Amino acid sequence: MAAEPIYKVIFLNQNQVFELYARQIYQSDLYGFIEVEEYVFGERSQIVVDPAEEKLKNEFAGVKRSYIPMHAIIRIDEVEKEGSVKIRESKGSDGKVMAFPLPGMRPQFGGEPPGDG
């Protein structure tokens, strides 16, 4: 019997890079989103507590499903077992780097472009 796959999901969230593990990932019915379910956090019996893991456990406590925009996803890997979750600052957080606009996402104006009045 094959073990249930575990996925490592790395994505941007408010100028931070989150690295989480989940059992279910699929394309959402909401256009442009990935659904992530069944988060996996290490059940460690150590005295030492990882503050990043505790912060993520608290942030995602009670979350059944997350909808992450596709343009925020950095990478998704299928892994053999979960590792430690991480939060780190994005290197592009100085405001000089922006996501490239996706096709079909530009604002629509009714009739004439603005300023031609």
N, C-alpha and C. Protein backbone atom coordinates (compact mmCIF):
# COMPACT_ATOMS: atom_id res chain seq x y z
N MET A 1 0.84 -1.18 0.00
CA MET A 1 0.00 0.00 0.00
C MET A 1 0.89 1.24 0.00
N ALA A 2 0.65 2.12 -0.93
CA ALA A 2 1.46 3.33 -1.06
C ALA A 2 1.07 4.34 0.01
N ALA A 3 2.08 5.03 0.53
CA ALA A 3 1.83 6.07 1.53
C ALA A 3 1.20 7.29 0.87
N GLU A 4 0.39 7.99 1.63
CA GLU A 4 -0.24 9.20 1.11
C GLU A 4 0.84 10.26 0.87
N PRO A 5 0.83 10.89 -0.32
CA PRO A 5 1.89 11.86 -0.62
C PRO A 5 1.81 13.10 0.27
N ILE A 6 2.97 13.70 0.48
CA ILE A 6 3.07 14.95 1.21
C ILE A 6 3.72 15.96 0.27
N TYR A 7 3.19 17.18 0.25
CA TYR A 7 3.69 18.22 -0.63
C TYR A 7 4.30 19.35 0.18
N LYS A 8 5.44 19.83 -0.28
CA LYS A 8 6.05 21.02 0.30
C LYS A 8 5.64 22.19 -0.59
N VAL A 9 4.98 23.18 0.00
CA VAL A 9 4.47 24.34 -0.73
C VAL A 9 5.25 25.56 -0.26
N ILE A 10 5.86 26.26 -1.20
CA ILE A 10 6.60 27.48 -0.90
C ILE A 10 5.88 28.61 -1.61
N PHE A 11 5.46 29.64 -0.85
CA PHE A 11 4.72 30.74 -1.45
C PHE A 11 5.00 32.05 -0.73
N LEU A 12 4.70 33.15 -1.42
CA LEU A 12 4.86 34.49 -0.85
C LEU A 12 3.59 34.91 -0.13
N ASN A 13 3.77 35.53 1.04
CA ASN A 13 2.64 36.05 1.80
C ASN A 13 3.10 37.29 2.55
N GLN A 14 2.66 38.46 2.13
CA GLN A 14 2.96 39.74 2.79
C GLN A 14 4.47 39.91 3.02
N ASN A 15 5.24 39.87 1.94
CA ASN A 15 6.70 40.07 1.95
C ASN A 15 7.45 39.02 2.76
N GLN A 16 6.83 37.87 2.97
CA GLN A 16 7.50 36.76 3.62
C GLN A 16 7.34 35.52 2.76
N VAL A 17 8.31 34.62 2.84
CA VAL A 17 8.24 33.35 2.13
C VAL A 17 7.86 32.28 3.15
N PHE A 18 6.72 31.63 2.91
CA PHE A 18 6.24 30.56 3.77
C PHE A 18 6.60 29.23 3.13
N GLU A 19 7.07 28.29 3.93
CA GLU A 19 7.34 26.93 3.48
C GLU A 19 6.55 26.00 4.38
N LEU A 20 5.50 25.39 3.82
CA LEU A 20 4.58 24.54 4.58
C LEU A 20 4.47 23.17 3.93
N TYR A 21 3.92 22.23 4.68
CA TYR A 21 3.68 20.88 4.17
C TYR A 21 2.20 20.58 4.26
N ALA A 22 1.68 19.91 3.22
CA ALA A 22 0.25 19.59 3.16
C ALA A 22 0.06 18.26 2.45
N ARG A 23 -1.10 17.64 2.70
CA ARG A 23 -1.41 16.36 2.06
C ARG A 23 -2.26 16.51 0.80
N GLN A 24 -2.98 17.61 0.67
CA GLN A 24 -3.87 17.80 -0.48
C GLN A 24 -3.59 19.15 -1.14
N ILE A 25 -3.32 19.13 -2.43
CA ILE A 25 -3.13 20.36 -3.21
C ILE A 25 -3.78 20.14 -4.57
N TYR A 26 -4.57 21.11 -4.99
CA TYR A 26 -5.17 21.01 -6.32
C TYR A 26 -5.59 22.39 -6.80
N GLN A 27 -5.85 22.46 -8.12
CA GLN A 27 -6.28 23.72 -8.72
C GLN A 27 -7.71 23.99 -8.28
N SER A 28 -7.94 25.22 -7.87
CA SER A 28 -9.25 25.60 -7.34
C SER A 28 -10.25 25.88 -8.44
N ASP A 29 -11.52 25.81 -8.09
CA ASP A 29 -12.58 26.26 -9.00
C ASP A 29 -12.57 27.79 -9.10
N LEU A 30 -11.98 28.46 -8.11
CA LEU A 30 -11.79 29.91 -8.18
C LEU A 30 -10.63 30.17 -9.12
N TYR A 31 -10.86 30.89 -10.18
CA TYR A 31 -9.84 31.11 -11.21
C TYR A 31 -8.59 31.75 -10.62
N GLY A 32 -7.43 31.14 -10.89
CA GLY A 32 -6.16 31.71 -10.49
C GLY A 32 -5.71 31.33 -9.09
N PHE A 33 -6.34 30.36 -8.46
CA PHE A 33 -5.99 29.97 -7.10
C PHE A 33 -5.64 28.48 -7.02
N ILE A 34 -4.79 28.15 -6.07
CA ILE A 34 -4.46 26.77 -5.72
C ILE A 34 -5.06 26.52 -4.34
N GLU A 35 -5.71 25.38 -4.15
CA GLU A 35 -6.27 25.02 -2.85
C GLU A 35 -5.29 24.11 -2.11
N VAL A 36 -5.06 24.42 -0.86
CA VAL A 36 -4.16 23.64 -0.02
C VAL A 36 -4.95 23.19 1.20
N GLU A 37 -4.95 21.88 1.46
CA GLU A 37 -5.69 21.30 2.59
C GLU A 37 -4.79 20.37 3.38
N GLU A 38 -5.23 20.07 4.60
CA GLU A 38 -4.59 19.10 5.49
C GLU A 38 -3.12 19.44 5.72
N TYR A 39 -2.88 20.57 6.36
CA TYR A 39 -1.52 20.99 6.69
C TYR A 39 -0.87 19.96 7.62
N VAL A 40 0.42 19.76 7.44
CA VAL A 40 1.18 18.81 8.25
C VAL A 40 2.23 19.60 9.02
N PHE A 41 2.16 19.52 10.34
CA PHE A 41 3.16 20.13 11.20
C PHE A 41 3.81 19.01 11.99
N GLY A 42 5.11 19.10 12.17
CA GLY A 42 5.84 18.05 12.88
C GLY A 42 5.37 17.93 14.31
N GLU A 43 5.11 16.71 14.74
CA GLU A 43 4.75 16.44 16.13
C GLU A 43 6.02 16.02 16.85
N ARG A 44 6.74 16.97 17.34
CA ARG A 44 8.03 16.68 17.95
C ARG A 44 7.89 16.69 19.47
N SER A 45 8.60 15.78 20.10
CA SER A 45 8.56 15.70 21.56
C SER A 45 9.84 16.30 22.14
N GLN A 46 10.32 17.37 21.53
CA GLN A 46 11.54 18.00 21.99
C GLN A 46 11.22 19.12 22.96
N ILE A 47 12.20 19.44 23.77
CA ILE A 47 12.07 20.58 24.67
C ILE A 47 12.20 21.88 23.88
N VAL A 48 13.06 21.87 22.86
CA VAL A 48 13.30 23.06 22.05
C VAL A 48 12.11 23.28 21.12
N VAL A 49 11.58 24.49 21.10
CA VAL A 49 10.43 24.84 20.28
C VAL A 49 10.89 25.80 19.20
N ASP A 50 10.53 25.49 17.95
CA ASP A 50 10.87 26.35 16.83
C ASP A 50 9.84 27.47 16.75
N PRO A 51 10.25 28.74 16.93
CA PRO A 51 9.28 29.84 16.92
C PRO A 51 8.56 30.00 15.59
N ALA A 52 9.24 29.73 14.47
CA ALA A 52 8.59 29.84 13.16
C ALA A 52 7.48 28.81 13.03
N GLU A 53 7.76 27.59 13.48
CA GLU A 53 6.74 26.54 13.40
C GLU A 53 5.56 26.85 14.30
N GLU A 54 5.81 27.36 15.49
CA GLU A 54 4.72 27.72 16.40
C GLU A 54 3.88 28.85 15.82
N LYS A 55 4.53 29.83 15.19
CA LYS A 55 3.80 30.94 14.58
C LYS A 55 2.89 30.44 13.46
N LEU A 56 3.42 29.55 12.62
CA LEU A 56 2.61 29.00 11.53
C LEU A 56 1.49 28.10 12.04
N LYS A 57 1.77 27.30 13.07
CA LYS A 57 0.72 26.46 13.66
C LYS A 57 -0.43 27.33 14.16
N ASN A 58 -0.08 28.43 14.83
CA ASN A 58 -1.12 29.33 15.35
C ASN A 58 -1.87 30.03 14.23
N GLU A 59 -1.14 30.45 13.20
CA GLU A 59 -1.80 31.16 12.09
C GLU A 59 -2.75 30.25 11.33
N PHE A 60 -2.40 28.98 11.19
CA PHE A 60 -3.23 28.06 10.42
C PHE A 60 -4.08 27.14 11.29
N ALA A 61 -4.14 27.40 12.58
CA ALA A 61 -4.99 26.61 13.47
C ALA A 61 -6.45 26.80 13.09
N GLY A 62 -7.15 25.74 12.90
CA GLY A 62 -8.57 25.81 12.55
C GLY A 62 -8.83 26.08 11.08
N VAL A 63 -7.78 26.19 10.26
CA VAL A 63 -7.97 26.44 8.82
C VAL A 63 -8.22 25.10 8.14
N LYS A 64 -9.35 25.00 7.48
CA LYS A 64 -9.69 23.78 6.77
C LYS A 64 -9.03 23.75 5.40
N ARG A 65 -9.03 24.91 4.73
CA ARG A 65 -8.53 25.00 3.36
C ARG A 65 -8.03 26.42 3.12
N SER A 66 -6.91 26.54 2.41
CA SER A 66 -6.38 27.85 2.02
C SER A 66 -6.44 27.98 0.51
N TYR A 67 -6.76 29.17 0.04
CA TYR A 67 -6.75 29.49 -1.38
C TYR A 67 -5.57 30.43 -1.60
N ILE A 68 -4.55 29.96 -2.29
CA ILE A 68 -3.35 30.74 -2.52
C ILE A 68 -3.32 31.15 -3.98
N PRO A 69 -3.13 32.45 -4.26
CA PRO A 69 -3.07 32.89 -5.67
C PRO A 69 -1.90 32.21 -6.39
N MET A 70 -2.13 31.81 -7.64
CA MET A 70 -1.09 31.11 -8.40
C MET A 70 0.18 31.94 -8.52
N HIS A 71 0.04 33.24 -8.66
CA HIS A 71 1.24 34.07 -8.83
C HIS A 71 2.05 34.20 -7.55
N ALA A 72 1.50 33.77 -6.39
CA ALA A 72 2.24 33.80 -5.13
C ALA A 72 3.01 32.50 -4.90
N ILE A 73 2.68 31.45 -5.66
CA ILE A 73 3.35 30.16 -5.50
C ILE A 73 4.75 30.26 -6.09
N ILE A 74 5.73 29.85 -5.31
CA ILE A 74 7.11 29.79 -5.80
C ILE A 74 7.41 28.38 -6.29
N ARG A 75 7.00 27.38 -5.49
CA ARG A 75 7.33 26.01 -5.85
C ARG A 75 6.46 25.05 -5.05
N ILE A 76 6.13 23.90 -5.68
CA ILE A 76 5.44 22.80 -5.01
C ILE A 76 6.21 21.53 -5.32
N ASP A 77 6.62 20.82 -4.26
CA ASP A 77 7.36 19.57 -4.42
C ASP A 77 6.61 18.45 -3.70
N GLU A 78 6.60 17.26 -4.30
CA GLU A 78 6.11 16.08 -3.60
C GLU A 78 7.32 15.49 -2.88
N VAL A 79 7.20 15.30 -1.57
CA VAL A 79 8.32 14.82 -0.76
C VAL A 79 7.95 13.52 -0.06
N GLU A 80 8.96 12.81 0.43
CA GLU A 80 8.72 11.55 1.11
C GLU A 80 8.22 11.74 2.53
N LYS A 81 8.70 12.79 3.22
CA LYS A 81 8.23 13.08 4.57
C LYS A 81 8.34 14.58 4.81
N GLU A 82 7.57 15.03 5.79
CA GLU A 82 7.59 16.47 6.08
C GLU A 82 8.88 16.87 6.77
N GLY A 83 9.25 18.11 6.58
CA GLY A 83 10.40 18.69 7.25
C GLY A 83 9.90 19.79 8.17
N SER A 84 10.80 20.65 8.56
CA SER A 84 10.38 21.76 9.43
C SER A 84 9.84 22.89 8.56
N VAL A 85 8.77 23.49 9.04
CA VAL A 85 8.18 24.62 8.32
C VAL A 85 9.04 25.86 8.57
N LYS A 86 8.99 26.81 7.62
CA LYS A 86 9.85 27.98 7.72
C LYS A 86 9.12 29.23 7.30
N ILE A 87 9.54 30.34 7.88
CA ILE A 87 9.13 31.68 7.44
C ILE A 87 10.42 32.47 7.30
N ARG A 88 10.59 33.12 6.17
CA ARG A 88 11.74 34.01 6.01
C ARG A 88 11.33 35.23 5.21
N GLU A 89 12.08 36.28 5.38
CA GLU A 89 11.79 37.52 4.66
C GLU A 89 12.10 37.34 3.18
N SER A 90 11.26 37.91 2.34
CA SER A 90 11.48 37.88 0.91
C SER A 90 12.61 38.85 0.56
N LYS A 91 13.50 38.43 -0.31
CA LYS A 91 14.62 39.29 -0.69
C LYS A 91 14.14 40.47 -1.53
N GLY A 92 12.97 40.36 -2.13
CA GLY A 92 12.42 41.44 -2.94
C GLY A 92 11.48 42.33 -2.14
N SER A 93 11.61 42.33 -0.82
CA SER A 93 10.65 43.05 0.01
C SER A 93 10.93 44.55 0.11
N ASP A 94 11.92 45.06 -0.65
CA ASP A 94 12.22 46.48 -0.59
C ASP A 94 11.26 47.31 -1.45
N GLY A 95 10.30 46.67 -2.10
CA GLY A 95 9.30 47.38 -2.89
C GLY A 95 9.72 47.61 -4.33
N LYS A 96 10.91 47.18 -4.72
CA LYS A 96 11.40 47.39 -6.08
C LYS A 96 11.02 46.25 -7.01
N VAL A 97 10.63 45.12 -6.45
CA VAL A 97 10.29 43.96 -7.25
C VAL A 97 8.80 43.70 -7.11
N MET A 98 8.13 43.55 -8.24
CA MET A 98 6.69 43.28 -8.23
C MET A 98 6.41 42.07 -9.11
N ALA A 99 5.31 41.39 -8.85
CA ALA A 99 4.91 40.26 -9.67
C ALA A 99 4.54 40.76 -11.07
N PHE A 100 4.91 39.98 -12.06
CA PHE A 100 4.58 40.32 -13.44
C PHE A 100 3.07 40.17 -13.61
N PRO A 101 2.40 41.15 -14.23
CA PRO A 101 0.94 41.05 -14.36
C PRO A 101 0.54 39.87 -15.24
N LEU A 102 -0.53 39.21 -14.84
CA LEU A 102 -1.02 38.06 -15.57
C LEU A 102 -1.94 38.50 -16.70
N PRO A 103 -1.96 37.77 -17.81
CA PRO A 103 -2.87 38.13 -18.90
C PRO A 103 -4.32 38.00 -18.46
N GLY A 104 -5.15 38.90 -18.95
CA GLY A 104 -6.56 38.88 -18.61
C GLY A 104 -6.88 39.49 -17.26
N MET A 105 -5.91 40.06 -16.60
CA MET A 105 -6.12 40.62 -15.27
C MET A 105 -6.08 42.15 -15.27
N ARG A 106 -6.06 42.77 -16.44
CA ARG A 106 -6.01 44.23 -16.47
C ARG A 106 -7.40 44.80 -16.23
N PRO A 107 -7.46 46.00 -15.69
CA PRO A 107 -8.77 46.59 -15.41
C PRO A 107 -9.54 46.88 -16.69
N GLN A 108 -10.82 46.70 -16.62
CA GLN A 108 -11.70 46.97 -17.76
C GLN A 108 -12.43 48.30 -17.53
N PHE A 109 -12.40 49.14 -18.52
CA PHE A 109 -13.09 50.43 -18.44
C PHE A 109 -14.31 50.39 -19.34
N GLY A 110 -15.38 50.96 -18.87
CA GLY A 110 -16.60 51.02 -19.65
C GLY A 110 -16.52 52.10 -20.71
N GLY A 111 -16.45 51.71 -21.97
CA GLY A 111 -16.43 52.69 -23.06
C GLY A 111 -15.04 53.24 -23.31
N GLU A 112 -14.87 54.54 -23.08
CA GLU A 112 -13.64 55.23 -23.40
C GLU A 112 -12.61 55.10 -22.27
N PRO A 113 -11.33 55.14 -22.62
CA PRO A 113 -10.32 55.13 -21.58
C PRO A 113 -10.42 56.38 -20.72
N PRO A 114 -9.98 56.29 -19.45
CA PRO A 114 -10.07 57.46 -18.56
C PRO A 114 -9.18 58.59 -19.06
N GLY A 115 -9.62 59.82 -18.82
CA GLY A 115 -8.85 60.98 -19.21
C GLY A 115 -9.25 61.54 -20.55
N ASP A 116 -10.01 60.82 -21.34
CA ASP A 116 -10.47 61.32 -22.64
C ASP A 116 -11.89 61.86 -22.47
N GLY A 117 -12.03 62.90 -21.78
CA GLY A 117 -13.35 63.32 -21.43
C GLY A 117 -13.79 64.49 -22.12
